[in-house]
Amino acid sequence: MKSKRKAIHAELRKESQTFDGWLKYEVTIKNEDDTIETIPAYGKDLQDALSRVVHDHKVKKIEDKVVGKVPLTGWVIAWFLGMVLTISLIYGNVEYRYMGIWIVADILIYTFMTLSLSNWFKLRNTRK
């Protein structure tokens, strides 16, 4: 069975001076290869801080495997191809008089989903 990353120790360092209610923890993590690293973690409580550390690890893993290997023009082309695909599906399945409403809704939903995904990659365990 493959070993996972484990938090083996967490210690409260200080309360934030600039953001009321935020705390800084120092978390010691044992990695899959049995190395130990200490990471600063910020959150409203320990569970929040640990979830931010896990989120950062997931984002870094995805960025290393997928996002960093595809150039920006590839992402732009993929976005437009996805938009063309969804609009063509709408065009084939919706009555003509409602076509404009569906296309505008599709563009808004597709853009919202893209921005949400982009925001997920930007969230980091930053200093509070």
N, C-alpha and C. Protein backbone atom coordinates (compact mmCIF):
# COMPACT_ATOMS: atom_id res chain seq x y z
N MET A 1 0.84 -1.18 0.00
CA MET A 1 0.00 0.00 0.00
C MET A 1 0.89 1.25 0.00
N LYS A 2 0.54 2.20 -0.84
CA LYS A 2 1.32 3.43 -0.98
C LYS A 2 1.07 4.33 0.23
N SER A 3 2.15 4.86 0.80
CA SER A 3 2.00 5.78 1.92
C SER A 3 1.57 7.16 1.41
N LYS A 4 0.89 7.89 2.26
CA LYS A 4 0.40 9.23 1.91
C LYS A 4 1.13 10.27 2.74
N ARG A 5 0.92 11.50 2.36
CA ARG A 5 1.44 12.61 3.17
C ARG A 5 0.65 12.67 4.47
N LYS A 6 1.33 12.94 5.57
CA LYS A 6 0.68 13.01 6.87
C LYS A 6 1.18 14.22 7.63
N ALA A 7 0.27 14.91 8.27
CA ALA A 7 0.66 15.98 9.18
C ALA A 7 0.99 15.32 10.51
N ILE A 8 2.24 15.45 10.93
CA ILE A 8 2.64 14.76 12.16
C ILE A 8 2.73 15.72 13.35
N HIS A 9 2.77 17.03 13.06
CA HIS A 9 2.81 18.00 14.16
C HIS A 9 2.34 19.36 13.64
N ALA A 10 1.57 20.06 14.46
CA ALA A 10 1.14 21.42 14.12
C ALA A 10 1.27 22.28 15.36
N GLU A 11 1.77 23.47 15.16
CA GLU A 11 2.00 24.36 16.29
C GLU A 11 1.53 25.77 15.93
N LEU A 12 0.79 26.38 16.84
CA LEU A 12 0.32 27.75 16.65
C LEU A 12 1.49 28.70 16.86
N ARG A 13 1.77 29.55 15.86
CA ARG A 13 2.88 30.49 15.96
C ARG A 13 2.42 31.85 16.48
N LYS A 14 1.39 32.41 15.82
CA LYS A 14 0.92 33.74 16.25
C LYS A 14 -0.43 34.03 15.64
N GLU A 15 -1.09 35.05 16.18
CA GLU A 15 -2.32 35.55 15.59
C GLU A 15 -1.97 36.68 14.63
N SER A 16 -2.78 36.82 13.60
CA SER A 16 -2.51 37.85 12.60
C SER A 16 -2.79 39.23 13.18
N GLN A 17 -1.91 40.17 12.85
CA GLN A 17 -2.09 41.55 13.28
C GLN A 17 -3.01 42.31 12.32
N THR A 18 -2.97 41.94 11.04
CA THR A 18 -3.71 42.68 10.03
C THR A 18 -5.10 42.13 9.76
N PHE A 19 -5.30 40.80 9.90
CA PHE A 19 -6.60 40.19 9.64
C PHE A 19 -7.10 39.56 10.93
N ASP A 20 -8.13 40.13 11.50
CA ASP A 20 -8.66 39.68 12.78
C ASP A 20 -9.24 38.27 12.65
N GLY A 21 -8.85 37.38 13.52
CA GLY A 21 -9.36 36.02 13.53
C GLY A 21 -8.53 35.02 12.76
N TRP A 22 -7.48 35.46 12.07
CA TRP A 22 -6.62 34.54 11.32
C TRP A 22 -5.42 34.16 12.17
N LEU A 23 -4.98 32.91 12.01
CA LEU A 23 -3.88 32.39 12.79
C LEU A 23 -2.79 31.82 11.88
N LYS A 24 -1.56 31.85 12.37
CA LYS A 24 -0.45 31.25 11.63
C LYS A 24 -0.01 30.00 12.39
N TYR A 25 0.00 28.89 11.67
CA TYR A 25 0.47 27.62 12.22
C TYR A 25 1.73 27.21 11.50
N GLU A 26 2.51 26.38 12.16
CA GLU A 26 3.64 25.75 11.52
C GLU A 26 3.37 24.25 11.55
N VAL A 27 3.21 23.66 10.36
CA VAL A 27 2.81 22.27 10.24
C VAL A 27 4.00 21.45 9.76
N THR A 28 4.27 20.36 10.47
CA THR A 28 5.32 19.43 10.06
C THR A 28 4.65 18.27 9.33
N ILE A 29 5.11 18.01 8.10
CA ILE A 29 4.50 17.00 7.24
C ILE A 29 5.52 15.93 6.89
N LYS A 30 5.06 14.67 6.97
CA LYS A 30 5.88 13.55 6.53
C LYS A 30 5.42 13.17 5.14
N ASN A 31 6.29 13.30 4.15
CA ASN A 31 5.94 13.04 2.75
C ASN A 31 5.94 11.55 2.44
N GLU A 32 5.54 11.24 1.20
CA GLU A 32 5.48 9.84 0.76
C GLU A 32 6.84 9.15 0.81
N ASP A 33 7.89 9.91 0.55
CA ASP A 33 9.24 9.34 0.55
C ASP A 33 9.93 9.43 1.92
N ASP A 34 9.16 9.60 2.96
CA ASP A 34 9.60 9.66 4.36
C ASP A 34 10.47 10.87 4.69
N THR A 35 10.48 11.89 3.83
CA THR A 35 11.15 13.14 4.18
C THR A 35 10.19 13.98 5.01
N ILE A 36 10.74 14.82 5.82
CA ILE A 36 9.92 15.67 6.70
C ILE A 36 10.16 17.12 6.33
N GLU A 37 9.06 17.88 6.17
CA GLU A 37 9.17 19.30 5.86
C GLU A 37 8.23 20.10 6.76
N THR A 38 8.60 21.33 7.01
CA THR A 38 7.80 22.22 7.82
C THR A 38 7.24 23.33 6.93
N ILE A 39 5.93 23.51 6.99
CA ILE A 39 5.24 24.46 6.12
C ILE A 39 4.46 25.44 6.97
N PRO A 40 4.54 26.75 6.68
CA PRO A 40 3.65 27.68 7.36
C PRO A 40 2.25 27.55 6.78
N ALA A 41 1.25 27.56 7.65
CA ALA A 41 -0.14 27.42 7.21
C ALA A 41 -0.97 28.50 7.89
N TYR A 42 -1.83 29.13 7.10
CA TYR A 42 -2.65 30.21 7.60
C TYR A 42 -4.11 29.82 7.50
N GLY A 43 -4.89 30.17 8.53
CA GLY A 43 -6.31 29.87 8.49
C GLY A 43 -7.02 30.41 9.71
N LYS A 44 -8.34 30.25 9.73
CA LYS A 44 -9.14 30.72 10.86
C LYS A 44 -9.07 29.75 12.03
N ASP A 45 -8.76 28.49 11.73
CA ASP A 45 -8.49 27.48 12.75
C ASP A 45 -7.54 26.45 12.14
N LEU A 46 -7.18 25.44 12.91
CA LEU A 46 -6.21 24.46 12.43
C LEU A 46 -6.75 23.66 11.25
N GLN A 47 -8.03 23.30 11.30
CA GLN A 47 -8.61 22.54 10.20
C GLN A 47 -8.59 23.34 8.90
N ASP A 48 -8.89 24.64 8.98
CA ASP A 48 -8.85 25.50 7.81
C ASP A 48 -7.43 25.61 7.26
N ALA A 49 -6.46 25.76 8.15
CA ALA A 49 -5.06 25.87 7.73
C ALA A 49 -4.59 24.58 7.05
N LEU A 50 -4.96 23.42 7.61
CA LEU A 50 -4.58 22.15 7.00
C LEU A 50 -5.25 21.95 5.64
N SER A 51 -6.50 22.37 5.52
CA SER A 51 -7.18 22.24 4.22
C SER A 51 -6.52 23.12 3.17
N ARG A 52 -5.98 24.26 3.57
CA ARG A 52 -5.26 25.12 2.64
C ARG A 52 -3.95 24.49 2.20
N VAL A 53 -3.28 23.79 3.09
CA VAL A 53 -2.04 23.09 2.74
C VAL A 53 -2.34 21.97 1.75
N VAL A 54 -3.41 21.22 1.98
CA VAL A 54 -3.80 20.14 1.08
C VAL A 54 -4.18 20.71 -0.29
N HIS A 55 -4.92 21.82 -0.30
CA HIS A 55 -5.31 22.47 -1.55
C HIS A 55 -4.08 22.89 -2.35
N ASP A 56 -3.12 23.50 -1.67
CA ASP A 56 -1.89 23.93 -2.35
C ASP A 56 -1.15 22.74 -2.97
N HIS A 57 -1.12 21.63 -2.26
CA HIS A 57 -0.45 20.43 -2.78
C HIS A 57 -1.16 19.91 -4.02
N LYS A 58 -2.49 19.89 -4.00
CA LYS A 58 -3.26 19.43 -5.17
C LYS A 58 -3.03 20.35 -6.37
N VAL A 59 -3.07 21.66 -6.14
CA VAL A 59 -2.86 22.62 -7.22
C VAL A 59 -1.47 22.46 -7.82
N LYS A 60 -0.48 22.32 -6.96
CA LYS A 60 0.90 22.18 -7.46
C LYS A 60 1.05 20.90 -8.29
N LYS A 61 0.42 19.81 -7.84
CA LYS A 61 0.50 18.55 -8.57
C LYS A 61 -0.16 18.67 -9.95
N ILE A 62 -1.32 19.31 -10.02
CA ILE A 62 -2.02 19.49 -11.30
C ILE A 62 -1.23 20.43 -12.20
N GLU A 63 -0.68 21.51 -11.65
CA GLU A 63 0.10 22.45 -12.45
C GLU A 63 1.33 21.77 -13.04
N ASP A 64 1.97 20.94 -12.26
CA ASP A 64 3.16 20.25 -12.76
C ASP A 64 2.83 19.27 -13.87
N LYS A 65 1.71 18.57 -13.75
CA LYS A 65 1.37 17.53 -14.73
C LYS A 65 0.69 18.08 -15.97
N VAL A 66 -0.17 19.09 -15.84
CA VAL A 66 -1.00 19.51 -16.97
C VAL A 66 -0.77 20.95 -17.37
N VAL A 67 -1.02 21.86 -16.46
CA VAL A 67 -1.09 23.28 -16.79
C VAL A 67 0.23 23.82 -17.32
N GLY A 68 1.32 23.44 -16.72
CA GLY A 68 2.62 23.96 -17.14
C GLY A 68 3.09 23.43 -18.48
N LYS A 69 2.57 22.29 -18.92
CA LYS A 69 3.04 21.68 -20.16
C LYS A 69 2.29 22.17 -21.39
N VAL A 70 1.15 22.82 -21.21
CA VAL A 70 0.37 23.31 -22.34
C VAL A 70 0.60 24.82 -22.45
N PRO A 71 1.00 25.33 -23.62
CA PRO A 71 1.21 26.77 -23.76
C PRO A 71 -0.12 27.53 -23.71
N LEU A 72 -0.03 28.82 -23.47
CA LEU A 72 -1.23 29.65 -23.35
C LEU A 72 -2.08 29.61 -24.61
N THR A 73 -1.46 29.60 -25.77
CA THR A 73 -2.25 29.54 -27.01
C THR A 73 -3.04 28.23 -27.09
N GLY A 74 -2.52 27.16 -26.55
CA GLY A 74 -3.25 25.90 -26.51
C GLY A 74 -4.51 26.00 -25.67
N TRP A 75 -4.41 26.70 -24.52
CA TRP A 75 -5.59 26.88 -23.66
C TRP A 75 -6.62 27.77 -24.33
N VAL A 76 -6.16 28.81 -25.04
CA VAL A 76 -7.10 29.70 -25.74
C VAL A 76 -7.83 28.93 -26.84
N ILE A 77 -7.10 28.14 -27.60
CA ILE A 77 -7.72 27.33 -28.66
C ILE A 77 -8.71 26.33 -28.06
N ALA A 78 -8.34 25.68 -26.95
CA ALA A 78 -9.24 24.73 -26.29
C ALA A 78 -10.50 25.42 -25.80
N TRP A 79 -10.37 26.65 -25.29
CA TRP A 79 -11.54 27.39 -24.82
C TRP A 79 -12.49 27.68 -25.98
N PHE A 80 -11.95 28.16 -27.09
CA PHE A 80 -12.81 28.46 -28.24
C PHE A 80 -13.41 27.19 -28.84
N LEU A 81 -12.67 26.10 -28.90
CA LEU A 81 -13.23 24.85 -29.40
C LEU A 81 -14.36 24.35 -28.50
N GLY A 82 -14.19 24.48 -27.20
CA GLY A 82 -15.26 24.11 -26.27
C GLY A 82 -16.49 24.98 -26.46
N MET A 83 -16.26 26.27 -26.68
CA MET A 83 -17.39 27.18 -26.92
C MET A 83 -18.11 26.82 -28.21
N VAL A 84 -17.38 26.55 -29.26
CA VAL A 84 -17.98 26.17 -30.55
C VAL A 84 -18.76 24.86 -30.40
N LEU A 85 -18.22 23.91 -29.65
CA LEU A 85 -18.91 22.64 -29.44
C LEU A 85 -20.23 22.83 -28.71
N THR A 86 -20.23 23.61 -27.63
CA THR A 86 -21.47 23.80 -26.89
C THR A 86 -22.50 24.58 -27.70
N ILE A 87 -22.06 25.58 -28.46
CA ILE A 87 -23.00 26.34 -29.28
C ILE A 87 -23.56 25.47 -30.40
N SER A 88 -22.74 24.61 -30.99
CA SER A 88 -23.25 23.73 -32.04
C SER A 88 -24.24 22.72 -31.48
N LEU A 89 -24.01 22.25 -30.26
CA LEU A 89 -24.98 21.35 -29.62
C LEU A 89 -26.30 22.08 -29.36
N ILE A 90 -26.21 23.32 -28.92
CA ILE A 90 -27.43 24.11 -28.70
C ILE A 90 -28.16 24.34 -30.02
N TYR A 91 -27.42 24.67 -31.06
CA TYR A 91 -28.02 24.96 -32.37
C TYR A 91 -28.78 23.75 -32.90
N GLY A 92 -28.32 22.56 -32.62
CA GLY A 92 -28.98 21.37 -33.13
C GLY A 92 -30.16 20.91 -32.29
N ASN A 93 -30.30 21.42 -31.05
CA ASN A 93 -31.32 20.89 -30.15
C ASN A 93 -32.33 21.90 -29.64
N VAL A 94 -32.23 23.16 -30.03
CA VAL A 94 -33.11 24.19 -29.50
C VAL A 94 -33.90 24.83 -30.64
N GLU A 95 -35.13 25.23 -30.32
CA GLU A 95 -35.94 25.92 -31.34
C GLU A 95 -35.26 27.21 -31.76
N TYR A 96 -35.50 27.60 -33.01
CA TYR A 96 -34.82 28.76 -33.58
C TYR A 96 -35.14 30.05 -32.83
N ARG A 97 -36.38 30.23 -32.38
CA ARG A 97 -36.75 31.51 -31.75
C ARG A 97 -36.09 31.71 -30.38
N TYR A 98 -35.63 30.65 -29.75
CA TYR A 98 -34.95 30.77 -28.46
C TYR A 98 -33.43 30.68 -28.57
N MET A 99 -32.93 30.63 -29.78
CA MET A 99 -31.50 30.41 -30.02
C MET A 99 -30.62 31.48 -29.37
N GLY A 100 -30.97 32.74 -29.52
CA GLY A 100 -30.16 33.83 -28.97
C GLY A 100 -30.03 33.76 -27.47
N ILE A 101 -31.14 33.45 -26.80
CA ILE A 101 -31.13 33.36 -25.33
C ILE A 101 -30.20 32.23 -24.89
N TRP A 102 -30.30 31.08 -25.55
CA TRP A 102 -29.47 29.94 -25.20
C TRP A 102 -28.00 30.21 -25.46
N ILE A 103 -27.69 30.87 -26.54
CA ILE A 103 -26.27 31.14 -26.86
C ILE A 103 -25.68 32.13 -25.86
N VAL A 104 -26.42 33.18 -25.52
CA VAL A 104 -25.92 34.14 -24.52
C VAL A 104 -25.76 33.45 -23.17
N ALA A 105 -26.72 32.62 -22.77
CA ALA A 105 -26.62 31.89 -21.51
C ALA A 105 -25.41 30.95 -21.53
N ASP A 106 -25.18 30.30 -22.66
CA ASP A 106 -24.04 29.40 -22.79
C ASP A 106 -22.73 30.15 -22.64
N ILE A 107 -22.62 31.28 -23.28
CA ILE A 107 -21.39 32.08 -23.18
C ILE A 107 -21.16 32.52 -21.74
N LEU A 108 -22.22 32.97 -21.05
CA LEU A 108 -22.07 33.41 -19.66
C LEU A 108 -21.69 32.25 -18.74
N ILE A 109 -22.34 31.11 -18.90
CA ILE A 109 -22.03 29.96 -18.05
C ILE A 109 -20.62 29.44 -18.32
N TYR A 110 -20.24 29.36 -19.57
CA TYR A 110 -18.90 28.87 -19.94
C TYR A 110 -17.82 29.81 -19.40
N THR A 111 -18.06 31.11 -19.50
CA THR A 111 -17.10 32.09 -18.97
C THR A 111 -17.02 31.99 -17.45
N PHE A 112 -18.17 31.86 -16.78
CA PHE A 112 -18.19 31.74 -15.32
C PHE A 112 -17.43 30.49 -14.86
N MET A 113 -17.62 29.39 -15.55
CA MET A 113 -16.91 28.16 -15.20
C MET A 113 -15.41 28.32 -15.41
N THR A 114 -15.01 29.00 -16.48
CA THR A 114 -13.59 29.23 -16.73
C THR A 114 -12.97 30.10 -15.64
N LEU A 115 -13.67 31.17 -15.26
CA LEU A 115 -13.16 32.06 -14.21
C LEU A 115 -13.10 31.35 -12.86
N SER A 116 -14.08 30.49 -12.58
CA SER A 116 -14.08 29.75 -11.32
C SER A 116 -12.89 28.79 -11.26
N LEU A 117 -12.62 28.12 -12.34
CA LEU A 117 -11.48 27.21 -12.38
C LEU A 117 -10.17 27.98 -12.26
N SER A 118 -10.10 29.12 -12.91
CA SER A 118 -8.91 29.95 -12.81
C SER A 118 -8.70 30.43 -11.38
N ASN A 119 -9.78 30.80 -10.70
CA ASN A 119 -9.69 31.24 -9.31
C ASN A 119 -9.23 30.10 -8.41
N TRP A 120 -9.67 28.87 -8.69
CA TRP A 120 -9.27 27.73 -7.88
C TRP A 120 -7.75 27.54 -7.93
N PHE A 121 -7.15 27.79 -9.08
CA PHE A 121 -5.71 27.65 -9.20
C PHE A 121 -4.97 28.80 -8.53
N LYS A 122 -5.61 29.95 -8.38
CA LYS A 122 -4.94 31.11 -7.78
C LYS A 122 -5.00 31.10 -6.26
N LEU A 123 -5.96 30.37 -5.66
CA LEU A 123 -6.06 30.34 -4.20
C LEU A 123 -4.81 29.66 -3.64
N ARG A 124 -4.19 30.33 -2.72
CA ARG A 124 -2.97 29.80 -2.13
C ARG A 124 -3.01 30.00 -0.61
N ASN A 125 -2.15 29.30 0.04
CA ASN A 125 -1.98 29.42 1.48
C ASN A 125 -1.11 30.65 1.74
N THR A 126 -1.72 31.83 1.65
CA THR A 126 -0.94 33.07 1.72
C THR A 126 -1.00 33.68 3.12
N ARG A 127 -0.10 34.55 3.35
CA ARG A 127 0.02 35.23 4.64
C ARG A 127 -1.20 36.09 4.92
N LYS A 128 -1.77 35.93 6.10
CA LYS A 128 -2.94 36.72 6.51
C LYS A 128 -2.62 37.47 7.78
